[in-house]
Amino acid sequence: MPTEPLSQKEIEDRLRELPGWSLAGDRIERRYRLGDHFAATALVVHVAQIQQELNHHSDLTLGYDSVAVSVNTHSAGGITDKDFELAARVEGVAPGHGAS
């Protein structure tokens, strides 16, 4: 069964549960600040592992001391439960890397 995009209201409601995440067009996104480049790189690797487990992949942008995560479900043409599941998993591991 294909995954269906969430409504605007569902997206807004779900974003309230994920402080720091925002809607940007047809994607949800967040930028994390970390202590240095090594910590940022470690977070990217951890997020990549989560993405493999979920078989759902985001765009990751690695900066010197930052990581940006941007996600939607291309096959559904919008934002789905899969995107929020990935975002919640990233939120769960980011503090362990010193992210804010």
PDB file of N, CA and C in Angstrom:
ATOM      1  N   MET A   1       0.843  -1.174   0.000  1.00  0.00           N
ATOM      2  CA  MET A   1       0.000   0.000   0.000  1.00  0.00           C
ATOM      3  C   MET A   1       0.895   1.246   0.000  1.00  0.00           C
ATOM      4  N   PRO A   2       0.674   2.178  -0.937  1.00  0.00           N
ATOM      5  CA  PRO A   2       1.497   3.383  -0.987  1.00  0.00           C
ATOM      6  C   PRO A   2       1.256   4.273   0.232  1.00  0.00           C
ATOM      7  N   THR A   3       2.285   4.981   0.600  1.00  0.00           N
ATOM      8  CA  THR A   3       2.197   5.927   1.707  1.00  0.00           C
ATOM      9  C   THR A   3       1.535   7.204   1.199  1.00  0.00           C
ATOM     10  N   GLU A   4       0.578   7.710   1.951  1.00  0.00           N
ATOM     11  CA  GLU A   4      -0.151   8.914   1.550  1.00  0.00           C
ATOM     12  C   GLU A   4       0.449  10.155   2.219  1.00  0.00           C
ATOM     13  N   PRO A   5       0.502  11.274   1.491  1.00  0.00           N
ATOM     14  CA  PRO A   5       0.976  12.514   2.111  1.00  0.00           C
ATOM     15  C   PRO A   5       0.030  12.967   3.222  1.00  0.00           C
ATOM     16  N   LEU A   6       0.596  13.608   4.224  1.00  0.00           N
ATOM     17  CA  LEU A   6      -0.200  14.163   5.319  1.00  0.00           C
ATOM     18  C   LEU A   6      -0.811  15.491   4.897  1.00  0.00           C
ATOM     19  N   SER A   7      -1.922  15.841   5.524  1.00  0.00           N
ATOM     20  CA  SER A   7      -2.544  17.143   5.261  1.00  0.00           C
ATOM     21  C   SER A   7      -1.713  18.244   5.924  1.00  0.00           C
ATOM     22  N   GLN A   8      -1.957  19.474   5.517  1.00  0.00           N
ATOM     23  CA  GLN A   8      -1.258  20.618   6.107  1.00  0.00           C
ATOM     24  C   GLN A   8      -1.465  20.655   7.619  1.00  0.00           C
ATOM     25  N   LYS A   9      -2.691  20.417   8.068  1.00  0.00           N
ATOM     26  CA  LYS A   9      -2.981  20.430   9.506  1.00  0.00           C
ATOM     27  C   LYS A   9      -2.237  19.313  10.222  1.00  0.00           C
ATOM     28  N   GLU A  10      -2.221  18.115   9.640  1.00  0.00           N
ATOM     29  CA  GLU A  10      -1.494  16.997  10.255  1.00  0.00           C
ATOM     30  C   GLU A  10      -0.012  17.321  10.372  1.00  0.00           C
ATOM     31  N   ILE A  11       0.544  17.939   9.334  1.00  0.00           N
ATOM     32  CA  ILE A  11       1.961  18.311   9.365  1.00  0.00           C
ATOM     33  C   ILE A  11       2.217  19.325  10.475  1.00  0.00           C
ATOM     34  N   GLU A  12       1.391  20.350  10.544  1.00  0.00           N
ATOM     35  CA  GLU A  12       1.557  21.381  11.577  1.00  0.00           C
ATOM     36  C   GLU A  12       1.431  20.782  12.976  1.00  0.00           C
ATOM     37  N   ASP A  13       0.462  19.902  13.167  1.00  0.00           N
ATOM     38  CA  ASP A  13       0.285  19.251  14.472  1.00  0.00           C
ATOM     39  C   ASP A  13       1.506  18.413  14.831  1.00  0.00           C
ATOM     40  N   ARG A  14       2.012  17.659  13.891  1.00  0.00           N
ATOM     41  CA  ARG A  14       3.165  16.791  14.147  1.00  0.00           C
ATOM     42  C   ARG A  14       4.432  17.616  14.395  1.00  0.00           C
ATOM     43  N   LEU A  15       4.578  18.746  13.718  1.00  0.00           N
ATOM     44  CA  LEU A  15       5.757  19.590  13.930  1.00  0.00           C
ATOM     45  C   LEU A  15       5.799  20.148  15.353  1.00  0.00           C
ATOM     46  N   ARG A  16       4.642  20.340  15.976  1.00  0.00           N
ATOM     47  CA  ARG A  16       4.623  20.829  17.362  1.00  0.00           C
ATOM     48  C   ARG A  16       5.298  19.835  18.310  1.00  0.00           C
ATOM     49  N   GLU A  17       5.334  18.577  17.918  1.00  0.00           N
ATOM     50  CA  GLU A  17       5.965  17.529  18.727  1.00  0.00           C
ATOM     51  C   GLU A  17       7.479  17.446  18.480  1.00  0.00           C
ATOM     52  N   LEU A  18       7.986  18.223  17.509  1.00  0.00           N
ATOM     53  CA  LEU A  18       9.403  18.178  17.151  1.00  0.00           C
ATOM     54  C   LEU A  18       9.990  19.592  17.165  1.00  0.00           C
ATOM     55  N   PRO A  19      10.268  20.131  18.351  1.00  0.00           N
ATOM     56  CA  PRO A  19      10.841  21.479  18.418  1.00  0.00           C
ATOM     57  C   PRO A  19      12.108  21.567  17.574  1.00  0.00           C
ATOM     58  N   GLY A  20      12.233  22.685  16.880  1.00  0.00           N
ATOM     59  CA  GLY A  20      13.406  22.901  16.041  1.00  0.00           C
ATOM     60  C   GLY A  20      13.186  22.501  14.589  1.00  0.00           C
ATOM     61  N   TRP A  21      12.204  21.652  14.334  1.00  0.00           N
ATOM     62  CA  TRP A  21      11.891  21.237  12.974  1.00  0.00           C
ATOM     63  C   TRP A  21      10.888  22.215  12.388  1.00  0.00           C
ATOM     64  N   SER A  22      10.981  22.450  11.076  1.00  0.00           N
ATOM     65  CA  SER A  22      10.060  23.377  10.425  1.00  0.00           C
ATOM     66  C   SER A  22       9.693  22.865   9.040  1.00  0.00           C
ATOM     67  N   LEU A  23       8.650  23.458   8.505  1.00  0.00           N
ATOM     68  CA  LEU A  23       8.183  23.137   7.167  1.00  0.00           C
ATOM     69  C   LEU A  23       8.874  24.073   6.185  1.00  0.00           C
ATOM     70  N   ALA A  24       9.425  23.516   5.123  1.00  0.00           N
ATOM     71  CA  ALA A  24      10.074  24.308   4.081  1.00  0.00           C
ATOM     72  C   ALA A  24       9.598  23.752   2.736  1.00  0.00           C
ATOM     73  N   GLY A  25       8.562  24.347   2.199  1.00  0.00           N
ATOM     74  CA  GLY A  25       7.984  23.841   0.954  1.00  0.00           C
ATOM     75  C   GLY A  25       7.335  22.492   1.186  1.00  0.00           C
ATOM     76  N   ASP A  26       7.827  21.488   0.467  1.00  0.00           N
ATOM     77  CA  ASP A  26       7.268  20.139   0.596  1.00  0.00           C
ATOM     78  C   ASP A  26       8.157  19.229   1.428  1.00  0.00           C
ATOM     79  N   ARG A  27       8.912  19.835   2.368  1.00  0.00           N
ATOM     80  CA  ARG A  27       9.858  19.081   3.191  1.00  0.00           C
ATOM     81  C   ARG A  27       9.769  19.550   4.643  1.00  0.00           C
ATOM     82  N   ILE A  28      10.234  18.697   5.564  1.00  0.00           N
ATOM     83  CA  ILE A  28      10.480  19.148   6.931  1.00  0.00           C
ATOM     84  C   ILE A  28      11.989  19.159   7.116  1.00  0.00           C
ATOM     85  N   GLU A  29      12.469  20.100   7.928  1.00  0.00           N
ATOM     86  CA  GLU A  29      13.916  20.233   8.054  1.00  0.00           C
ATOM     87  C   GLU A  29      14.322  20.787   9.407  1.00  0.00           C
ATOM     88  N   ARG A  30      15.592  20.543   9.709  1.00  0.00           N
ATOM     89  CA  ARG A  30      16.182  21.077  10.938  1.00  0.00           C
ATOM     90  C   ARG A  30      17.680  21.182  10.762  1.00  0.00           C
ATOM     91  N   ARG A  31      18.270  22.205  11.372  1.00  0.00           N
ATOM     92  CA  ARG A  31      19.727  22.364  11.406  1.00  0.00           C
ATOM     93  C   ARG A  31      20.175  22.187  12.846  1.00  0.00           C
ATOM     94  N   TYR A  32      21.170  21.338  13.037  1.00  0.00           N
ATOM     95  CA  TYR A  32      21.752  21.088  14.353  1.00  0.00           C
ATOM     96  C   TYR A  32      23.112  21.771  14.428  1.00  0.00           C
ATOM     97  N   ARG A  33      23.411  22.346  15.579  1.00  0.00           N
ATOM     98  CA  ARG A  33      24.732  22.900  15.864  1.00  0.00           C
ATOM     99  C   ARG A  33      25.459  21.918  16.768  1.00  0.00           C
ATOM    100  N   LEU A  34      26.749  21.708  16.488  1.00  0.00           N
ATOM    101  CA  LEU A  34      27.551  20.775  17.275  1.00  0.00           C
ATOM    102  C   LEU A  34      28.847  21.452  17.687  1.00  0.00           C
ATOM    103  N   GLY A  35      29.619  20.776  18.529  1.00  0.00           N
ATOM    104  CA  GLY A  35      30.831  21.363  19.084  1.00  0.00           C
ATOM    105  C   GLY A  35      31.958  21.553  18.088  1.00  0.00           C
ATOM    106  N   ASP A  36      32.060  20.688  17.104  1.00  0.00           N
ATOM    107  CA  ASP A  36      33.131  20.790  16.113  1.00  0.00           C
ATOM    108  C   ASP A  36      32.805  19.896  14.918  1.00  0.00           C
ATOM    109  N   HIS A  37      33.723  19.862  13.985  1.00  0.00           N
ATOM    110  CA  HIS A  37      33.493  19.106  12.752  1.00  0.00           C
ATOM    111  C   HIS A  37      33.409  17.604  13.000  1.00  0.00           C
ATOM    112  N   PHE A  38      34.224  17.095  13.904  1.00  0.00           N
ATOM    113  CA  PHE A  38      34.197  15.659  14.188  1.00  0.00           C
ATOM    114  C   PHE A  38      32.835  15.241  14.749  1.00  0.00           C
ATOM    115  N   ALA A  39      32.290  16.032  15.669  1.00  0.00           N
ATOM    116  CA  ALA A  39      30.978  15.726  16.246  1.00  0.00           C
ATOM    117  C   ALA A  39      29.890  15.792  15.171  1.00  0.00           C
ATOM    118  N   ALA A  40      29.979  16.768  14.288  1.00  0.00           N
ATOM    119  CA  ALA A  40      28.999  16.886  13.211  1.00  0.00           C
ATOM    120  C   ALA A  40      29.085  15.675  12.281  1.00  0.00           C
ATOM    121  N   THR A  41      30.296  15.257  11.964  1.00  0.00           N
ATOM    122  CA  THR A  41      30.485  14.095  11.095  1.00  0.00           C
ATOM    123  C   THR A  41      29.942  12.833  11.758  1.00  0.00           C
ATOM    124  N   ALA A  42      30.160  12.682  13.032  1.00  0.00           N
ATOM    125  CA  ALA A  42      29.648  11.512  13.754  1.00  0.00           C
ATOM    126  C   ALA A  42      28.125  11.478  13.718  1.00  0.00           C
ATOM    127  N   LEU A  43      27.485  12.642  13.849  1.00  0.00           N
ATOM    128  CA  LEU A  43      26.025  12.688  13.772  1.00  0.00           C
ATOM    129  C   LEU A  43      25.558  12.269  12.378  1.00  0.00           C
ATOM    130  N   VAL A  44      26.228  12.731  11.334  1.00  0.00           N
ATOM    131  CA  VAL A  44      25.863  12.342   9.972  1.00  0.00           C
ATOM    132  C   VAL A  44      25.922  10.824   9.814  1.00  0.00           C
ATOM    133  N   VAL A  45      26.971  10.201  10.332  1.00  0.00           N
ATOM    134  CA  VAL A  45      27.101   8.747  10.226  1.00  0.00           C
ATOM    135  C   VAL A  45      25.968   8.054  10.983  1.00  0.00           C
ATOM    136  N   HIS A  46      25.633   8.563  12.152  1.00  0.00           N
ATOM    137  CA  HIS A  46      24.557   7.970  12.944  1.00  0.00           C
ATOM    138  C   HIS A  46      23.213   8.112  12.214  1.00  0.00           C
ATOM    139  N   VAL A  47      22.959   9.276  11.624  1.00  0.00           N
ATOM    140  CA  VAL A  47      21.723   9.486  10.873  1.00  0.00           C
ATOM    141  C   VAL A  47      21.684   8.550   9.661  1.00  0.00           C
ATOM    142  N   ALA A  48      22.812   8.381   9.001  1.00  0.00           N
ATOM    143  CA  ALA A  48      22.863   7.465   7.854  1.00  0.00           C
ATOM    144  C   ALA A  48      22.502   6.042   8.273  1.00  0.00           C
ATOM    145  N   GLN A  49      22.945   5.635   9.440  1.00  0.00           N
ATOM    146  CA  GLN A  49      22.608   4.304   9.950  1.00  0.00           C
ATOM    147  C   GLN A  49      21.091   4.181  10.180  1.00  0.00           C
ATOM    148  N   ILE A  50      20.496   5.189  10.774  1.00  0.00           N
ATOM    149  CA  ILE A  50      19.047   5.191  11.008  1.00  0.00           C
ATOM    150  C   ILE A  50      18.300   5.119   9.677  1.00  0.00           C
ATOM    151  N   GLN A  51      18.766   5.887   8.706  1.00  0.00           N
ATOM    152  CA  GLN A  51      18.120   5.892   7.389  1.00  0.00           C
ATOM    153  C   GLN A  51      18.164   4.511   6.748  1.00  0.00           C
ATOM    154  N   GLN A  52      19.264   3.827   6.893  1.00  0.00           N
ATOM    155  CA  GLN A  52      19.367   2.470   6.355  1.00  0.00           C
ATOM    156  C   GLN A  52      18.381   1.540   7.054  1.00  0.00           C
ATOM    157  N   GLU A  53      18.288   1.659   8.367  1.00  0.00           N
ATOM    158  CA  GLU A  53      17.347   0.821   9.128  1.00  0.00           C
ATOM    159  C   GLU A  53      15.908   1.052   8.689  1.00  0.00           C
ATOM    160  N   LEU A  54      15.556   2.304   8.430  1.00  0.00           N
ATOM    161  CA  LEU A  54      14.187   2.653   8.054  1.00  0.00           C
ATOM    162  C   LEU A  54      13.942   2.522   6.548  1.00  0.00           C
ATOM    163  N   ASN A  55      15.026   2.357   5.786  1.00  0.00           N
ATOM    164  CA  ASN A  55      14.940   2.376   4.322  1.00  0.00           C
ATOM    165  C   ASN A  55      14.221   3.645   3.859  1.00  0.00           C
ATOM    166  N   HIS A  56      14.627   4.759   4.467  1.00  0.00           N
ATOM    167  CA  HIS A  56      14.049   6.068   4.149  1.00  0.00           C
ATOM    168  C   HIS A  56      15.160   7.082   4.348  1.00  0.00           C
ATOM    169  N   HIS A  57      15.461   7.854   3.320  1.00  0.00           N
ATOM    170  CA  HIS A  57      16.658   8.679   3.327  1.00  0.00           C
ATOM    171  C   HIS A  57      16.340  10.159   3.172  1.00  0.00           C
ATOM    172  N   SER A  58      17.075  10.959   3.922  1.00  0.00           N
ATOM    173  CA  SER A  58      16.925  12.410   3.877  1.00  0.00           C
ATOM    174  C   SER A  58      18.107  13.011   3.128  1.00  0.00           C
ATOM    175  N   ASP A  59      18.025  14.306   2.889  1.00  0.00           N
ATOM    176  CA  ASP A  59      19.184  15.057   2.427  1.00  0.00           C
ATOM    177  C   ASP A  59      19.927  15.519   3.674  1.00  0.00           C
ATOM    178  N   LEU A  60      21.217  15.269   3.714  1.00  0.00           N
ATOM    179  CA  LEU A  60      22.061  15.691   4.832  1.00  0.00           C
ATOM    180  C   LEU A  60      23.102  16.662   4.305  1.00  0.00           C
ATOM    181  N   THR A  61      23.271  17.772   5.022  1.00  0.00           N
ATOM    182  CA  THR A  61      24.299  18.733   4.662  1.00  0.00           C
ATOM    183  C   THR A  61      25.229  18.894   5.851  1.00  0.00           C
ATOM    184  N   LEU A  62      26.487  18.550   5.642  1.00  0.00           N
ATOM    185  CA  LEU A  62      27.501  18.641   6.688  1.00  0.00           C
ATOM    186  C   LEU A  62      28.254  19.950   6.563  1.00  0.00           C
ATOM    187  N   GLY A  63      28.256  20.733   7.642  1.00  0.00           N
ATOM    188  CA  GLY A  63      29.058  21.945   7.710  1.00  0.00           C
ATOM    189  C   GLY A  63      30.178  21.734   8.714  1.00  0.00           C
ATOM    190  N   TYR A  64      30.959  22.757   8.972  1.00  0.00           N
ATOM    191  CA  TYR A  64      32.062  22.610   9.911  1.00  0.00           C
ATOM    192  C   TYR A  64      31.570  22.131  11.266  1.00  0.00           C
ATOM    193  N   ASP A  65      30.560  22.795  11.814  1.00  0.00           N
ATOM    194  CA  ASP A  65      30.029  22.424  13.129  1.00  0.00           C
ATOM    195  C   ASP A  65      28.507  22.337  13.092  1.00  0.00           C
ATOM    196  N   SER A  66      27.973  21.926  11.948  1.00  0.00           N
ATOM    197  CA  SER A  66      26.520  21.836  11.811  1.00  0.00           C
ATOM    198  C   SER A  66      26.124  20.686  10.883  1.00  0.00           C
ATOM    199  N   VAL A  67      24.896  20.243  11.070  1.00  0.00           N
ATOM    200  CA  VAL A  67      24.292  19.241  10.194  1.00  0.00           C
ATOM    201  C   VAL A  67      22.874  19.690   9.903  1.00  0.00           C
ATOM    202  N   ALA A  68      22.514  19.752   8.633  1.00  0.00           N
ATOM    203  CA  ALA A  68      21.149  20.070   8.230  1.00  0.00           C
ATOM    204  C   ALA A  68      20.503  18.794   7.698  1.00  0.00           C
ATOM    205  N   VAL A  69      19.273  18.548   8.151  1.00  0.00           N
ATOM    206  CA  VAL A  69      18.502  17.385   7.722  1.00  0.00           C
ATOM    207  C   VAL A  69      17.240  17.909   7.051  1.00  0.00           C
ATOM    208  N   SER A  70      16.954  17.416   5.853  1.00  0.00           N
ATOM    209  CA  SER A  70      15.778  17.831   5.103  1.00  0.00           C
ATOM    210  C   SER A  70      15.172  16.587   4.472  1.00  0.00           C
ATOM    211  N   VAL A  71      13.861  16.388   4.698  1.00  0.00           N
ATOM    212  CA  VAL A  71      13.256  15.124   4.275  1.00  0.00           C
ATOM    213  C   VAL A  71      11.826  15.283   3.788  1.00  0.00           C
ATOM    214  N   ASN A  72      11.496  14.491   2.787  1.00  0.00           N
ATOM    215  CA  ASN A  72      10.119  14.265   2.372  1.00  0.00           C
ATOM    216  C   ASN A  72      10.070  12.877   1.743  1.00  0.00           C
ATOM    217  N   THR A  73       8.886  12.457   1.348  1.00  0.00           N
ATOM    218  CA  THR A  73       8.739  11.149   0.717  1.00  0.00           C
ATOM    219  C   THR A  73       8.482  11.378  -0.762  1.00  0.00           C
ATOM    220  N   HIS A  74       9.535  11.250  -1.556  1.00  0.00           N
ATOM    221  CA  HIS A  74       9.433  11.534  -2.992  1.00  0.00           C
ATOM    222  C   HIS A  74       8.322  10.725  -3.648  1.00  0.00           C
ATOM    223  N   SER A  75       8.233   9.442  -3.317  1.00  0.00           N
ATOM    224  CA  SER A  75       7.259   8.562  -3.972  1.00  0.00           C
ATOM    225  C   SER A  75       5.812   8.955  -3.666  1.00  0.00           C
ATOM    226  N   ALA A  76       5.599   9.658  -2.551  1.00  0.00           N
ATOM    227  CA  ALA A  76       4.247  10.097  -2.186  1.00  0.00           C
ATOM    228  C   ALA A  76       3.986  11.533  -2.612  1.00  0.00           C
ATOM    229  N   GLY A  77       5.031  12.230  -3.021  1.00  0.00           N
ATOM    230  CA  GLY A  77       4.870  13.610  -3.442  1.00  0.00           C
ATOM    231  C   GLY A  77       4.608  14.571  -2.312  1.00  0.00           C
ATOM    232  N   GLY A  78       5.132  14.275  -1.134  1.00  0.00           N
ATOM    233  CA  GLY A  78       4.938  15.175  -0.004  1.00  0.00           C
ATOM    234  C   GLY A  78       5.494  14.604   1.277  1.00  0.00           C
ATOM    235  N   ILE A  79       4.966  15.063   2.372  1.00  0.00           N
ATOM    236  CA  ILE A  79       5.432  14.683   3.704  1.00  0.00           C
ATOM    237  C   ILE A  79       4.507  13.599   4.248  1.00  0.00           C
ATOM    238  N   THR A  80       5.116  12.538   4.781  1.00  0.00           N
ATOM    239  CA  THR A  80       4.345  11.394   5.275  1.00  0.00           C
ATOM    240  C   THR A  80       4.787  11.022   6.685  1.00  0.00           C
ATOM    241  N   ASP A  81       4.111  10.020   7.222  1.00  0.00           N
ATOM    242  CA  ASP A  81       4.495   9.484   8.532  1.00  0.00           C
ATOM    243  C   ASP A  81       5.948   9.029   8.545  1.00  0.00           C
ATOM    244  N   LYS A  82       6.435   8.515   7.419  1.00  0.00           N
ATOM    245  CA  LYS A  82       7.820   8.043   7.331  1.00  0.00           C
ATOM    246  C   LYS A  82       8.802   9.177   7.636  1.00  0.00           C
ATOM    247  N   ASP A  83       8.480  10.378   7.180  1.00  0.00           N
ATOM    248  CA  ASP A  83       9.363  11.527   7.415  1.00  0.00           C
ATOM    249  C   ASP A  83       9.402  11.893   8.892  1.00  0.00           C
ATOM    250  N   PHE A  84       8.244  11.835   9.529  1.00  0.00           N
ATOM    251  CA  PHE A  84       8.198  12.150  10.947  1.00  0.00           C
ATOM    252  C   PHE A  84       8.847  11.058  11.786  1.00  0.00           C
ATOM    253  N   GLU A  85       8.763   9.818  11.341  1.00  0.00           N
ATOM    254  CA  GLU A  85       9.452   8.742  12.050  1.00  0.00           C
ATOM    255  C   GLU A  85      10.959   8.954  11.987  1.00  0.00           C
ATOM    256  N   LEU A  86      11.462   9.303  10.819  1.00  0.00           N
ATOM    257  CA  LEU A  86      12.896   9.576  10.675  1.00  0.00           C
ATOM    258  C   LEU A  86      13.300  10.776  11.531  1.00  0.00           C
ATOM    259  N   ALA A  87      12.521  11.856  11.468  1.00  0.00           N
ATOM    260  CA  ALA A  87      12.839  13.054  12.256  1.00  0.00           C
ATOM    261  C   ALA A  87      12.879  12.738  13.746  1.00  0.00           C
ATOM    262  N   ALA A  88      11.921  11.971  14.234  1.00  0.00           N
ATOM    263  CA  ALA A  88      11.889  11.613  15.656  1.00  0.00           C
ATOM    264  C   ALA A  88      13.102  10.776  16.040  1.00  0.00           C
ATOM    265  N   ARG A  89      13.512   9.870  15.184  1.00  0.00           N
ATOM    266  CA  ARG A  89      14.702   9.056  15.469  1.00  0.00           C
ATOM    267  C   ARG A  89      15.956   9.921  15.511  1.00  0.00           C
ATOM    268  N   VAL A  90      16.062  10.881  14.594  1.00  0.00           N
ATOM    269  CA  VAL A  90      17.214  11.797  14.602  1.00  0.00           C
ATOM    270  C   VAL A  90      17.202  12.618  15.885  1.00  0.00           C
ATOM    271  N   GLU A  91      16.029  13.110  16.271  1.00  0.00           N
ATOM    272  CA  GLU A  91      15.908  13.875  17.516  1.00  0.00           C
ATOM    273  C   GLU A  91      16.364  13.044  18.712  1.00  0.00           C
ATOM    274  N   GLY A  92      16.120  11.756  18.660  1.00  0.00           N
ATOM    275  CA  GLY A  92      16.504  10.881  19.763  1.00  0.00           C
ATOM    276  C   GLY A  92      18.007  10.701  19.922  1.00  0.00           C
ATOM    277  N   VAL A  93      18.745  10.765  18.822  1.00  0.00           N
ATOM    278  CA  VAL A  93      20.204  10.528  18.902  1.00  0.00           C
ATOM    279  C   VAL A  93      21.022  11.815  18.913  1.00  0.00           C
ATOM    280  N   ALA A  94      20.471  12.905  18.410  1.00  0.00           N
ATOM    281  CA  ALA A  94      21.239  14.148  18.293  1.00  0.00           C
ATOM    282  C   ALA A  94      21.828  14.642  19.613  1.00  0.00           C
ATOM    283  N   PRO A  95      21.086  14.620  20.726  1.00  0.00           N
ATOM    284  CA  PRO A  95      21.677  15.099  21.988  1.00  0.00           C
ATOM    285  C   PRO A  95      22.913  14.310  22.411  1.00  0.00           C
ATOM    286  N   GLY A  96      22.953  13.023  22.095  1.00  0.00           N
ATOM    287  CA  GLY A  96      24.118  12.209  22.434  1.00  0.00           C
ATOM    288  C   GLY A  96      25.379  12.624  21.719  1.00  0.00           C
ATOM    289  N   HIS A  97      25.219  13.411  20.658  1.00  0.00           N
ATOM    290  CA  HIS A  97      26.366  13.934  19.903  1.00  0.00           C
ATOM    291  C   HIS A  97      26.662  15.387  20.296  1.00  0.00           C
ATOM    292  N   GLY A  98      25.920  15.890  21.274  1.00  0.00           N
ATOM    293  CA  GLY A  98      26.113  17.263  21.720  1.00  0.00           C
ATOM    294  C   GLY A  98      25.401  18.286  20.850  1.00  0.00           C
ATOM    295  N   ALA A  99      24.449  17.831  20.049  1.00  0.00           N
ATOM    296  CA  ALA A  99      23.743  18.734  19.131  1.00  0.00           C
ATOM    297  C   ALA A  99      22.723  19.584  19.866  1.00  0.00           C
ATOM    298  N   SER A 100      22.579  20.782  19.371  1.00  0.00           N
ATOM    299  CA  SER A 100      21.539  21.691  19.889  1.00  0.00           C
ATOM    300  C   SER A 100      20.834  22.341  18.715  1.00  0.00           C
TER     301      SER A 100
END
